[in-house]
Amino acid sequence: MKCQLLFFFLFISMGVLAQEQPEVNVVITFNEGETTVRTNERGELQINVPQENLLKLKKVGHVRYSDFGAKGDGITDDIDAIAAAHAVGNQEDLSVKADDGARYYIGGRARTAVIQTDTDFGTAEFIIDDTKVEDRTQHVFLVSSTLRPFNLEGVSSLKKNQEKLNVPLPGPSLVTVTHSAVRRYIRYGPNQNDGSP
């Protein structure tokens, strides 16, 4: 329950938007050598995963943050390793797992971990230090679908606790209803914003 509650608050506080498409700032290569994660001169996250290591990850069926250099010691900034694990997981359709008992420190760098595959935080903790944030509009985690959002046509009204929509859907879908005149998640203080519909 504690882990689910923690994820819920992470989900809300990180500004997770299911329909937002992530900015592409990751380059993944599969060259010989070692698995490496670094930032290039353009600020892109460069990840190299040798084919041999990629085959091992595919055989296991998931990636871990530690596979990309995360320390999980509560001191070292692990955001690049976390973002790298999700980027490779997204591209290779692999789930992502945190290391049990790890304490991942995330500093104020403008880096987003885009989550598009199953993710298991287990018993890991995340320390998000926002004292020196480079870009306060940048998400730390962004849950995003690879499917394109679409506008649902044919719904003329909704009521509280409605169980069914009598419209065709292209497959299993998440229907999100917003009211543009009502704003939620308004943040006051130094990092204030106008909230979201």
N, C-alpha and C. Protein backbone atom coordinates (compact mmCIF):
# COMPACT_ATOMS: atom_id res chain seq x y z
N MET A 1 0.84 -1.19 0.00
CA MET A 1 0.00 0.00 0.00
C MET A 1 0.88 1.25 0.00
N LYS A 2 1.96 1.24 0.83
CA LYS A 2 2.86 2.39 0.91
C LYS A 2 3.48 2.69 -0.45
N CYS A 3 3.89 1.64 -1.17
CA CYS A 3 4.51 1.81 -2.49
C CYS A 3 3.50 2.38 -3.49
N GLN A 4 2.26 1.87 -3.42
CA GLN A 4 1.23 2.36 -4.34
C GLN A 4 0.91 3.81 -4.07
N LEU A 5 0.85 4.17 -2.78
CA LEU A 5 0.57 5.55 -2.42
C LEU A 5 1.71 6.46 -2.86
N LEU A 6 2.95 6.01 -2.66
CA LEU A 6 4.11 6.78 -3.09
C LEU A 6 4.07 6.99 -4.60
N PHE A 7 3.77 5.94 -5.37
CA PHE A 7 3.69 6.07 -6.82
C PHE A 7 2.59 7.04 -7.21
N PHE A 8 1.45 6.98 -6.50
CA PHE A 8 0.36 7.89 -6.81
C PHE A 8 0.80 9.34 -6.67
N PHE A 9 1.50 9.65 -5.55
CA PHE A 9 1.95 11.02 -5.35
C PHE A 9 3.04 11.39 -6.34
N LEU A 10 3.93 10.45 -6.69
CA LEU A 10 4.91 10.72 -7.73
C LEU A 10 4.20 11.02 -9.04
N PHE A 11 3.17 10.21 -9.31
CA PHE A 11 2.40 10.34 -10.55
C PHE A 11 1.79 11.74 -10.64
N ILE A 12 1.18 12.18 -9.55
CA ILE A 12 0.54 13.49 -9.54
C ILE A 12 1.58 14.61 -9.53
N SER A 13 2.59 14.50 -8.66
CA SER A 13 3.53 15.61 -8.50
C SER A 13 4.48 15.78 -9.67
N MET A 14 4.69 14.77 -10.45
CA MET A 14 5.60 14.89 -11.57
C MET A 14 4.91 15.37 -12.84
N GLY A 15 3.63 15.64 -12.77
CA GLY A 15 2.93 16.17 -13.93
C GLY A 15 2.79 15.14 -15.03
N VAL A 16 2.44 13.94 -14.66
CA VAL A 16 2.32 12.88 -15.65
C VAL A 16 1.10 13.10 -16.51
N LEU A 17 1.30 13.15 -17.81
CA LEU A 17 0.21 13.35 -18.75
C LEU A 17 0.23 12.23 -19.76
N ALA A 18 -0.84 11.44 -19.78
CA ALA A 18 -0.86 10.27 -20.65
C ALA A 18 -0.89 10.64 -22.13
N GLN A 19 -1.40 11.82 -22.48
CA GLN A 19 -1.53 12.16 -23.88
C GLN A 19 -0.38 13.00 -24.41
N GLU A 20 0.48 13.47 -23.53
CA GLU A 20 1.58 14.32 -23.98
C GLU A 20 2.66 13.48 -24.65
N GLN A 21 3.13 13.93 -25.79
CA GLN A 21 4.19 13.21 -26.49
C GLN A 21 5.54 13.73 -26.03
N PRO A 22 6.46 12.85 -25.66
CA PRO A 22 7.74 13.28 -25.11
C PRO A 22 8.65 13.90 -26.15
N GLU A 23 9.47 14.82 -25.69
CA GLU A 23 10.49 15.42 -26.55
C GLU A 23 11.61 14.39 -26.74
N VAL A 24 12.07 14.22 -27.97
CA VAL A 24 13.11 13.24 -28.25
C VAL A 24 14.47 13.90 -28.03
N ASN A 25 15.19 13.44 -27.01
CA ASN A 25 16.53 13.95 -26.74
C ASN A 25 17.46 12.83 -26.29
N VAL A 26 17.24 11.65 -26.89
CA VAL A 26 18.00 10.46 -26.55
C VAL A 26 18.53 9.81 -27.82
N VAL A 27 19.81 9.41 -27.79
CA VAL A 27 20.42 8.70 -28.92
C VAL A 27 20.91 7.35 -28.37
N ILE A 28 20.41 6.26 -28.97
CA ILE A 28 20.81 4.92 -28.53
C ILE A 28 21.62 4.25 -29.64
N THR A 29 22.80 3.74 -29.28
CA THR A 29 23.63 3.00 -30.22
C THR A 29 23.90 1.61 -29.66
N PHE A 30 24.34 0.71 -30.55
CA PHE A 30 24.60 -0.69 -30.16
C PHE A 30 26.01 -1.08 -30.60
N ASN A 31 26.97 -0.24 -30.27
CA ASN A 31 28.37 -0.47 -30.65
C ASN A 31 29.07 -1.38 -29.65
N GLU A 32 30.20 -1.91 -30.07
CA GLU A 32 31.02 -2.76 -29.18
C GLU A 32 31.50 -1.95 -27.99
N GLY A 33 32.00 -2.62 -26.99
CA GLY A 33 32.55 -1.95 -25.82
C GLY A 33 31.71 -2.22 -24.60
N GLU A 34 31.44 -1.17 -23.85
CA GLU A 34 30.67 -1.29 -22.62
C GLU A 34 29.35 -0.53 -22.74
N THR A 35 28.44 -0.84 -21.84
CA THR A 35 27.21 -0.06 -21.75
C THR A 35 27.58 1.27 -21.11
N THR A 36 27.30 2.36 -21.80
CA THR A 36 27.64 3.69 -21.29
C THR A 36 26.46 4.63 -21.43
N VAL A 37 26.43 5.60 -20.55
CA VAL A 37 25.42 6.65 -20.56
C VAL A 37 26.15 7.97 -20.33
N ARG A 38 25.96 8.91 -21.25
CA ARG A 38 26.59 10.23 -21.09
C ARG A 38 25.74 11.28 -21.78
N THR A 39 26.03 12.53 -21.49
CA THR A 39 25.34 13.64 -22.12
C THR A 39 26.30 14.28 -23.11
N ASN A 40 25.84 14.49 -24.36
CA ASN A 40 26.71 15.10 -25.36
C ASN A 40 26.62 16.62 -25.29
N GLU A 41 27.35 17.31 -26.16
CA GLU A 41 27.41 18.77 -26.14
C GLU A 41 26.08 19.45 -26.44
N ARG A 42 25.13 18.74 -27.06
CA ARG A 42 23.79 19.29 -27.35
C ARG A 42 22.80 18.99 -26.23
N GLY A 43 23.27 18.36 -25.16
CA GLY A 43 22.40 18.02 -24.05
C GLY A 43 21.63 16.73 -24.23
N GLU A 44 21.89 16.02 -25.34
CA GLU A 44 21.21 14.74 -25.59
C GLU A 44 21.82 13.65 -24.72
N LEU A 45 20.99 12.73 -24.31
CA LEU A 45 21.46 11.57 -23.57
C LEU A 45 21.93 10.53 -24.58
N GLN A 46 23.21 10.19 -24.54
CA GLN A 46 23.77 9.18 -25.45
C GLN A 46 23.96 7.89 -24.69
N ILE A 47 23.34 6.84 -25.21
CA ILE A 47 23.38 5.52 -24.56
C ILE A 47 23.99 4.54 -25.55
N ASN A 48 24.96 3.79 -25.09
CA ASN A 48 25.51 2.71 -25.91
C ASN A 48 25.28 1.39 -25.19
N VAL A 49 24.65 0.46 -25.87
CA VAL A 49 24.41 -0.88 -25.33
C VAL A 49 24.96 -1.88 -26.34
N PRO A 50 26.09 -2.53 -26.04
CA PRO A 50 26.62 -3.53 -26.97
C PRO A 50 25.58 -4.63 -27.23
N GLN A 51 25.58 -5.17 -28.45
CA GLN A 51 24.61 -6.21 -28.83
C GLN A 51 24.59 -7.36 -27.83
N GLU A 52 25.76 -7.76 -27.35
CA GLU A 52 25.85 -8.87 -26.38
C GLU A 52 25.06 -8.54 -25.11
N ASN A 53 25.18 -7.31 -24.61
CA ASN A 53 24.44 -6.90 -23.42
C ASN A 53 22.95 -6.79 -23.70
N LEU A 54 22.60 -6.30 -24.89
CA LEU A 54 21.19 -6.19 -25.27
C LEU A 54 20.54 -7.57 -25.31
N LEU A 55 21.24 -8.55 -25.86
CA LEU A 55 20.69 -9.92 -25.90
C LEU A 55 20.46 -10.46 -24.50
N LYS A 56 21.37 -10.16 -23.56
CA LYS A 56 21.20 -10.59 -22.17
C LYS A 56 19.96 -9.94 -21.55
N LEU A 57 19.78 -8.64 -21.80
CA LEU A 57 18.61 -7.94 -21.27
C LEU A 57 17.32 -8.51 -21.84
N LYS A 58 17.32 -8.80 -23.13
CA LYS A 58 16.12 -9.37 -23.77
C LYS A 58 15.81 -10.76 -23.22
N LYS A 59 16.85 -11.52 -22.92
CA LYS A 59 16.65 -12.86 -22.37
C LYS A 59 16.02 -12.77 -20.98
N VAL A 60 16.46 -11.80 -20.17
CA VAL A 60 15.89 -11.59 -18.83
C VAL A 60 14.48 -11.02 -18.94
N GLY A 61 14.25 -10.20 -19.96
CA GLY A 61 12.92 -9.64 -20.20
C GLY A 61 12.68 -8.28 -19.58
N HIS A 62 13.69 -7.72 -18.93
CA HIS A 62 13.55 -6.39 -18.34
C HIS A 62 14.92 -5.74 -18.19
N VAL A 63 14.89 -4.43 -17.96
CA VAL A 63 16.12 -3.70 -17.65
C VAL A 63 15.99 -3.15 -16.24
N ARG A 64 17.14 -2.94 -15.62
CA ARG A 64 17.19 -2.34 -14.28
C ARG A 64 17.95 -1.03 -14.38
N TYR A 65 17.66 -0.13 -13.46
CA TYR A 65 18.38 1.14 -13.45
C TYR A 65 19.88 0.90 -13.28
N SER A 66 20.24 -0.08 -12.50
CA SER A 66 21.66 -0.38 -12.27
C SER A 66 22.36 -0.87 -13.54
N ASP A 67 21.61 -1.43 -14.51
CA ASP A 67 22.20 -1.85 -15.78
C ASP A 67 22.80 -0.65 -16.53
N PHE A 68 22.35 0.55 -16.18
CA PHE A 68 22.81 1.76 -16.87
C PHE A 68 23.58 2.69 -15.95
N GLY A 69 24.05 2.13 -14.82
CA GLY A 69 24.95 2.87 -13.95
C GLY A 69 24.34 3.54 -12.74
N ALA A 70 23.06 3.34 -12.48
CA ALA A 70 22.46 3.95 -11.29
C ALA A 70 23.09 3.36 -10.04
N LYS A 71 23.44 4.22 -9.11
CA LYS A 71 24.05 3.78 -7.85
C LYS A 71 22.99 3.43 -6.80
N GLY A 72 21.92 4.22 -6.75
CA GLY A 72 20.88 3.95 -5.76
C GLY A 72 21.34 4.15 -4.34
N ASP A 73 22.34 5.05 -4.15
CA ASP A 73 22.91 5.27 -2.82
C ASP A 73 22.32 6.48 -2.10
N GLY A 74 21.39 7.19 -2.75
CA GLY A 74 20.78 8.36 -2.14
C GLY A 74 21.63 9.61 -2.22
N ILE A 75 22.80 9.52 -2.84
CA ILE A 75 23.73 10.65 -2.94
C ILE A 75 24.03 10.98 -4.40
N THR A 76 24.37 9.95 -5.18
CA THR A 76 24.71 10.13 -6.59
C THR A 76 23.46 10.45 -7.40
N ASP A 77 23.54 11.45 -8.29
CA ASP A 77 22.39 11.79 -9.13
C ASP A 77 22.22 10.69 -10.18
N ASP A 78 21.12 9.96 -10.10
CA ASP A 78 20.85 8.80 -10.96
C ASP A 78 19.91 9.10 -12.12
N ILE A 79 19.54 10.36 -12.36
CA ILE A 79 18.52 10.64 -13.37
C ILE A 79 18.93 10.17 -14.77
N ASP A 80 20.20 10.31 -15.15
CA ASP A 80 20.61 9.87 -16.49
C ASP A 80 20.46 8.35 -16.64
N ALA A 81 20.85 7.61 -15.62
CA ALA A 81 20.72 6.15 -15.67
C ALA A 81 19.25 5.73 -15.70
N ILE A 82 18.42 6.42 -14.94
CA ILE A 82 16.98 6.12 -14.91
C ILE A 82 16.37 6.41 -16.28
N ALA A 83 16.69 7.58 -16.84
CA ALA A 83 16.15 7.94 -18.17
C ALA A 83 16.66 6.98 -19.23
N ALA A 84 17.92 6.55 -19.12
CA ALA A 84 18.50 5.61 -20.10
C ALA A 84 17.80 4.26 -20.04
N ALA A 85 17.55 3.76 -18.84
CA ALA A 85 16.86 2.48 -18.69
C ALA A 85 15.49 2.52 -19.34
N HIS A 86 14.77 3.61 -19.13
CA HIS A 86 13.44 3.72 -19.73
C HIS A 86 13.53 3.88 -21.25
N ALA A 87 14.51 4.64 -21.73
CA ALA A 87 14.65 4.83 -23.18
C ALA A 87 14.92 3.50 -23.88
N VAL A 88 15.81 2.69 -23.33
CA VAL A 88 16.11 1.38 -23.93
C VAL A 88 14.91 0.46 -23.76
N GLY A 89 14.29 0.47 -22.59
CA GLY A 89 13.09 -0.33 -22.38
C GLY A 89 11.99 0.01 -23.36
N ASN A 90 11.79 1.31 -23.60
CA ASN A 90 10.76 1.75 -24.56
C ASN A 90 11.08 1.26 -25.97
N GLN A 91 12.32 1.45 -26.39
CA GLN A 91 12.70 1.09 -27.76
C GLN A 91 12.65 -0.41 -27.99
N GLU A 92 13.06 -1.18 -27.00
CA GLU A 92 13.16 -2.63 -27.15
C GLU A 92 11.97 -3.38 -26.55
N ASP A 93 10.94 -2.66 -26.11
CA ASP A 93 9.73 -3.22 -25.51
C ASP A 93 10.07 -4.13 -24.32
N LEU A 94 10.89 -3.61 -23.42
CA LEU A 94 11.28 -4.33 -22.21
C LEU A 94 10.72 -3.59 -20.99
N SER A 95 10.27 -4.32 -20.00
CA SER A 95 9.81 -3.68 -18.77
C SER A 95 11.03 -3.15 -18.02
N VAL A 96 10.78 -2.25 -17.07
CA VAL A 96 11.85 -1.61 -16.30
C VAL A 96 11.61 -1.90 -14.82
N LYS A 97 12.69 -2.26 -14.12
CA LYS A 97 12.59 -2.54 -12.69
C LYS A 97 13.63 -1.74 -11.93
N ALA A 98 13.18 -1.18 -10.81
CA ALA A 98 14.11 -0.54 -9.89
C ALA A 98 14.75 -1.63 -9.04
N ASP A 99 15.92 -1.36 -8.52
CA ASP A 99 16.58 -2.32 -7.64
C ASP A 99 15.97 -2.20 -6.25
N ASP A 100 15.53 -3.33 -5.69
CA ASP A 100 14.91 -3.32 -4.37
C ASP A 100 15.84 -2.72 -3.33
N GLY A 101 15.29 -1.84 -2.52
CA GLY A 101 16.05 -1.22 -1.45
C GLY A 101 16.90 -0.03 -1.88
N ALA A 102 16.94 0.26 -3.16
CA ALA A 102 17.76 1.38 -3.64
C ALA A 102 17.11 2.70 -3.26
N ARG A 103 17.94 3.75 -3.10
CA ARG A 103 17.49 5.12 -2.86
C ARG A 103 18.04 5.97 -3.99
N TYR A 104 17.20 6.25 -4.97
CA TYR A 104 17.63 6.99 -6.14
C TYR A 104 17.50 8.49 -5.90
N TYR A 105 18.63 9.20 -5.97
CA TYR A 105 18.65 10.64 -5.84
C TYR A 105 18.48 11.25 -7.22
N ILE A 106 17.57 12.21 -7.34
CA ILE A 106 17.34 12.91 -8.61
C ILE A 106 17.51 14.40 -8.34
N GLY A 107 18.52 15.00 -8.97
CA GLY A 107 18.81 16.42 -8.78
C GLY A 107 17.95 17.29 -9.68
N GLY A 108 18.39 18.51 -9.91
CA GLY A 108 17.58 19.48 -10.62
C GLY A 108 17.83 19.60 -12.11
N ARG A 109 18.63 18.68 -12.68
CA ARG A 109 18.89 18.75 -14.12
C ARG A 109 17.63 18.57 -14.94
N ALA A 110 17.59 19.20 -16.09
CA ALA A 110 16.43 19.10 -16.99
C ALA A 110 16.52 17.81 -17.79
N ARG A 111 16.10 16.71 -17.19
CA ARG A 111 16.12 15.39 -17.84
C ARG A 111 14.82 14.70 -17.47
N THR A 112 14.15 14.11 -18.45
CA THR A 112 12.88 13.42 -18.21
C THR A 112 13.03 11.93 -18.50
N ALA A 113 12.56 11.11 -17.59
CA ALA A 113 12.49 9.66 -17.81
C ALA A 113 11.10 9.37 -18.38
N VAL A 114 11.06 8.99 -19.66
CA VAL A 114 9.79 8.72 -20.34
C VAL A 114 9.43 7.25 -20.14
N ILE A 115 8.29 7.00 -19.54
CA ILE A 115 7.85 5.64 -19.23
C ILE A 115 6.79 5.22 -20.23
N GLN A 116 7.11 4.18 -21.04
CA GLN A 116 6.16 3.65 -22.02
C GLN A 116 5.99 2.14 -21.91
N THR A 117 6.66 1.52 -20.95
CA THR A 117 6.52 0.07 -20.74
C THR A 117 6.23 -0.18 -19.26
N ASP A 118 5.88 -1.41 -18.92
CA ASP A 118 5.61 -1.75 -17.53
C ASP A 118 6.81 -1.38 -16.67
N THR A 119 6.53 -0.78 -15.52
CA THR A 119 7.58 -0.33 -14.62
C THR A 119 7.25 -0.79 -13.21
N ASP A 120 8.25 -1.37 -12.54
CA ASP A 120 8.09 -1.87 -11.18
C ASP A 120 9.11 -1.16 -10.28
N PHE A 121 8.63 -0.24 -9.43
CA PHE A 121 9.52 0.48 -8.52
C PHE A 121 9.88 -0.36 -7.30
N GLY A 122 9.17 -1.47 -7.07
CA GLY A 122 9.48 -2.36 -5.95
C GLY A 122 9.56 -1.59 -4.64
N THR A 123 10.62 -1.83 -3.87
CA THR A 123 10.80 -1.17 -2.58
C THR A 123 11.77 0.00 -2.67
N ALA A 124 12.09 0.42 -3.88
CA ALA A 124 13.02 1.55 -4.06
C ALA A 124 12.38 2.85 -3.61
N GLU A 125 13.24 3.80 -3.24
CA GLU A 125 12.80 5.14 -2.88
C GLU A 125 13.41 6.13 -3.87
N PHE A 126 12.70 7.23 -4.09
CA PHE A 126 13.18 8.28 -4.99
C PHE A 126 13.25 9.59 -4.21
N ILE A 127 14.42 10.18 -4.17
CA ILE A 127 14.63 11.47 -3.51
C ILE A 127 14.73 12.51 -4.62
N ILE A 128 13.74 13.37 -4.71
CA ILE A 128 13.70 14.38 -5.77
C ILE A 128 14.06 15.72 -5.15
N ASP A 129 15.26 16.20 -5.46
CA ASP A 129 15.79 17.44 -4.91
C ASP A 129 15.53 18.56 -5.90
N ASP A 130 14.60 19.45 -5.57
CA ASP A 130 14.25 20.52 -6.50
C ASP A 130 14.80 21.88 -6.04
N THR A 131 15.90 21.86 -5.28
CA THR A 131 16.47 23.13 -4.81
C THR A 131 17.19 23.89 -5.91
N LYS A 132 17.71 23.23 -6.93
CA LYS A 132 18.43 23.89 -8.02
C LYS A 132 17.91 23.39 -9.37
N VAL A 133 16.62 23.55 -9.60
CA VAL A 133 15.99 23.06 -10.82
C VAL A 133 16.39 23.93 -12.00
N GLU A 134 16.85 23.29 -13.07
CA GLU A 134 17.23 24.01 -14.29
C GLU A 134 16.01 24.49 -15.07
N ASP A 135 14.96 23.67 -15.12
CA ASP A 135 13.76 24.02 -15.88
C ASP A 135 12.55 23.49 -15.13
N ARG A 136 11.84 24.39 -14.46
CA ARG A 136 10.73 23.95 -13.61
C ARG A 136 9.54 23.39 -14.39
N THR A 137 9.53 23.59 -15.72
CA THR A 137 8.44 23.05 -16.53
C THR A 137 8.73 21.63 -17.01
N GLN A 138 9.94 21.16 -16.80
CA GLN A 138 10.36 19.83 -17.26
C GLN A 138 9.88 18.77 -16.26
N HIS A 139 9.30 17.69 -16.78
CA HIS A 139 8.87 16.58 -15.93
C HIS A 139 10.07 15.74 -15.50
N VAL A 140 9.96 15.11 -14.35
CA VAL A 140 10.96 14.13 -13.93
C VAL A 140 10.60 12.79 -14.55
N PHE A 141 9.35 12.35 -14.37
CA PHE A 141 8.83 11.15 -15.00
C PHE A 141 7.65 11.56 -15.89
N LEU A 142 7.55 10.96 -17.05
CA LEU A 142 6.44 11.24 -17.96
C LEU A 142 5.92 9.90 -18.47
N VAL A 143 4.72 9.54 -18.04
CA VAL A 143 4.09 8.31 -18.53
C VAL A 143 3.42 8.67 -19.85
N SER A 144 3.82 7.98 -20.91
CA SER A 144 3.35 8.32 -22.24
C SER A 144 3.06 7.05 -23.02
N SER A 145 2.03 7.08 -23.82
CA SER A 145 1.69 5.94 -24.64
C SER A 145 2.33 6.07 -26.01
N THR A 146 2.63 4.94 -26.62
CA THR A 146 3.12 4.95 -28.00
C THR A 146 1.95 5.09 -28.98
N LEU A 147 0.74 4.91 -28.47
CA LEU A 147 -0.46 5.07 -29.30
C LEU A 147 -0.80 6.55 -29.40
N ARG A 148 -1.32 6.94 -30.54
CA ARG A 148 -1.69 8.33 -30.75
C ARG A 148 -3.04 8.61 -30.09
N PRO A 149 -3.18 9.75 -29.40
CA PRO A 149 -4.48 10.10 -28.83
C PRO A 149 -5.47 10.45 -29.95
N PHE A 150 -6.72 10.29 -29.67
CA PHE A 150 -7.74 10.65 -30.66
C PHE A 150 -8.91 11.30 -29.95
N ASN A 151 -9.63 12.14 -30.67
CA ASN A 151 -10.84 12.76 -30.12
C ASN A 151 -12.00 11.81 -30.32
N LEU A 152 -12.73 11.58 -29.28
CA LEU A 152 -13.86 10.66 -29.30
C LEU A 152 -15.10 11.38 -29.81
N GLU A 153 -15.66 10.91 -30.88
CA GLU A 153 -16.84 11.52 -31.49
C GLU A 153 -18.09 10.74 -31.09
N GLY A 154 -19.21 11.41 -31.05
CA GLY A 154 -20.49 10.74 -30.81
C GLY A 154 -20.95 10.71 -29.37
N VAL A 155 -20.23 11.37 -28.46
CA VAL A 155 -20.66 11.45 -27.06
C VAL A 155 -21.25 12.84 -26.85
N SER A 156 -22.57 12.89 -26.62
CA SER A 156 -23.22 14.19 -26.47
C SER A 156 -23.38 14.60 -25.02
N SER A 157 -23.39 13.63 -24.09
CA SER A 157 -23.50 13.97 -22.68
C SER A 157 -22.93 12.84 -21.83
N LEU A 158 -22.58 13.19 -20.62
CA LEU A 158 -22.07 12.23 -19.64
C LEU A 158 -22.77 12.48 -18.32
N LYS A 159 -22.84 11.44 -17.48
CA LYS A 159 -23.40 11.61 -16.14
C LYS A 159 -22.49 10.92 -15.13
N LYS A 160 -22.63 11.29 -13.89
CA LYS A 160 -21.81 10.72 -12.83
C LYS A 160 -21.99 9.21 -12.76
N ASN A 161 -20.87 8.49 -12.62
CA ASN A 161 -20.84 7.02 -12.51
C ASN A 161 -21.35 6.30 -13.76
N GLN A 162 -21.28 6.94 -14.90
CA GLN A 162 -21.69 6.30 -16.15
C GLN A 162 -20.77 5.12 -16.41
N GLU A 163 -21.35 3.96 -16.71
CA GLU A 163 -20.56 2.74 -16.87
C GLU A 163 -20.22 2.42 -18.32
N LYS A 164 -20.92 2.98 -19.27
CA LYS A 164 -20.70 2.58 -20.66
C LYS A 164 -20.87 3.77 -21.60
N LEU A 165 -20.02 3.79 -22.63
CA LEU A 165 -20.16 4.76 -23.72
C LEU A 165 -20.61 3.98 -24.95
N ASN A 166 -21.67 4.41 -25.56
CA ASN A 166 -22.18 3.70 -26.74
C ASN A 166 -21.55 4.23 -28.02
N VAL A 167 -20.23 4.14 -28.09
CA VAL A 167 -19.48 4.56 -29.27
C VAL A 167 -18.40 3.51 -29.54
N PRO A 168 -18.05 3.31 -30.79
CA PRO A 168 -17.00 2.34 -31.10
C PRO A 168 -15.61 2.89 -30.73
N LEU A 169 -14.77 2.02 -30.18
CA LEU A 169 -13.39 2.37 -29.84
C LEU A 169 -12.46 1.48 -30.65
N PRO A 170 -11.26 1.95 -31.00
CA PRO A 170 -10.35 1.17 -31.83
C PRO A 170 -9.72 -0.02 -31.11
N GLY A 171 -9.91 -0.12 -29.82
CA GLY A 171 -9.34 -1.19 -29.01
C GLY A 171 -9.46 -0.79 -27.55
N PRO A 172 -8.77 -1.50 -26.64
CA PRO A 172 -8.81 -1.08 -25.24
C PRO A 172 -8.34 0.38 -25.15
N SER A 173 -9.11 1.20 -24.47
CA SER A 173 -8.84 2.63 -24.45
C SER A 173 -9.03 3.22 -23.07
N LEU A 174 -8.33 4.32 -22.83
CA LEU A 174 -8.53 5.13 -21.64
C LEU A 174 -9.20 6.40 -22.13
N VAL A 175 -10.41 6.63 -21.65
CA VAL A 175 -11.15 7.83 -22.05
C VAL A 175 -10.97 8.85 -20.94
N THR A 176 -10.43 10.01 -21.29
CA THR A 176 -10.20 11.08 -20.32
C THR A 176 -11.11 12.24 -20.66
N VAL A 177 -11.87 12.68 -19.67
CA VAL A 177 -12.79 13.79 -19.86
C VAL A 177 -12.24 14.97 -19.06
N THR A 178 -12.14 16.13 -19.71
CA THR A 178 -11.69 17.33 -19.02
C THR A 178 -12.72 18.43 -19.21
N HIS A 179 -12.72 19.35 -18.30
CA HIS A 179 -13.60 20.51 -18.36
C HIS A 179 -12.69 21.72 -18.41
N SER A 180 -12.63 22.38 -19.54
CA SER A 180 -11.67 23.46 -19.74
C SER A 180 -11.93 24.67 -18.85
N ALA A 181 -13.13 24.79 -18.31
CA ALA A 181 -13.43 25.93 -17.44
C ALA A 181 -13.07 25.67 -15.98
N VAL A 182 -12.72 24.43 -15.65
CA VAL A 182 -12.35 24.07 -14.28
C VAL A 182 -10.88 23.69 -14.27
N ARG A 183 -10.07 24.35 -13.45
CA ARG A 183 -8.63 24.09 -13.38
C ARG A 183 -8.32 23.33 -12.10
N ARG A 184 -7.47 22.31 -12.21
CA ARG A 184 -7.03 21.51 -11.05
C ARG A 184 -5.51 21.57 -10.97
N TYR A 185 -4.97 21.08 -9.85
CA TYR A 185 -3.52 20.98 -9.63
C TYR A 185 -2.84 22.35 -9.74
N ILE A 186 -3.53 23.38 -9.29
CA ILE A 186 -2.95 24.73 -9.32
C ILE A 186 -1.88 24.80 -8.25
N ARG A 187 -0.73 25.32 -8.65
CA ARG A 187 0.40 25.42 -7.72
C ARG A 187 0.64 26.90 -7.42
N TYR A 188 0.70 27.22 -6.13
CA TYR A 188 0.95 28.59 -5.70
C TYR A 188 2.39 28.68 -5.18
N GLY A 189 2.87 29.87 -4.97
CA GLY A 189 4.22 30.06 -4.44
C GLY A 189 5.21 30.34 -5.53
N PRO A 190 6.52 30.08 -5.28
CA PRO A 190 7.58 30.44 -6.23
C PRO A 190 7.44 29.77 -7.60
N ASN A 191 6.96 28.54 -7.66
CA ASN A 191 6.82 27.82 -8.92
C ASN A 191 5.36 27.72 -9.34
N GLN A 192 4.64 28.80 -9.20
CA GLN A 192 3.21 28.76 -9.45
C GLN A 192 2.88 28.52 -10.92
N ASN A 193 1.70 27.94 -11.12
CA ASN A 193 1.18 27.75 -12.47
C ASN A 193 -0.34 27.87 -12.42
N ASP A 194 -0.97 27.78 -13.58
CA ASP A 194 -2.41 27.93 -13.67
C ASP A 194 -3.16 26.61 -13.57
N GLY A 195 -2.45 25.52 -13.31
CA GLY A 195 -3.10 24.23 -13.20
C GLY A 195 -3.45 23.63 -14.55
N SER A 196 -4.27 22.61 -14.54
CA SER A 196 -4.65 21.90 -15.76
C SER A 196 -6.17 21.72 -15.79
N PRO A 197 -6.75 21.68 -17.00
CA PRO A 197 -8.20 21.42 -17.08
C PRO A 197 -8.55 20.07 -16.48
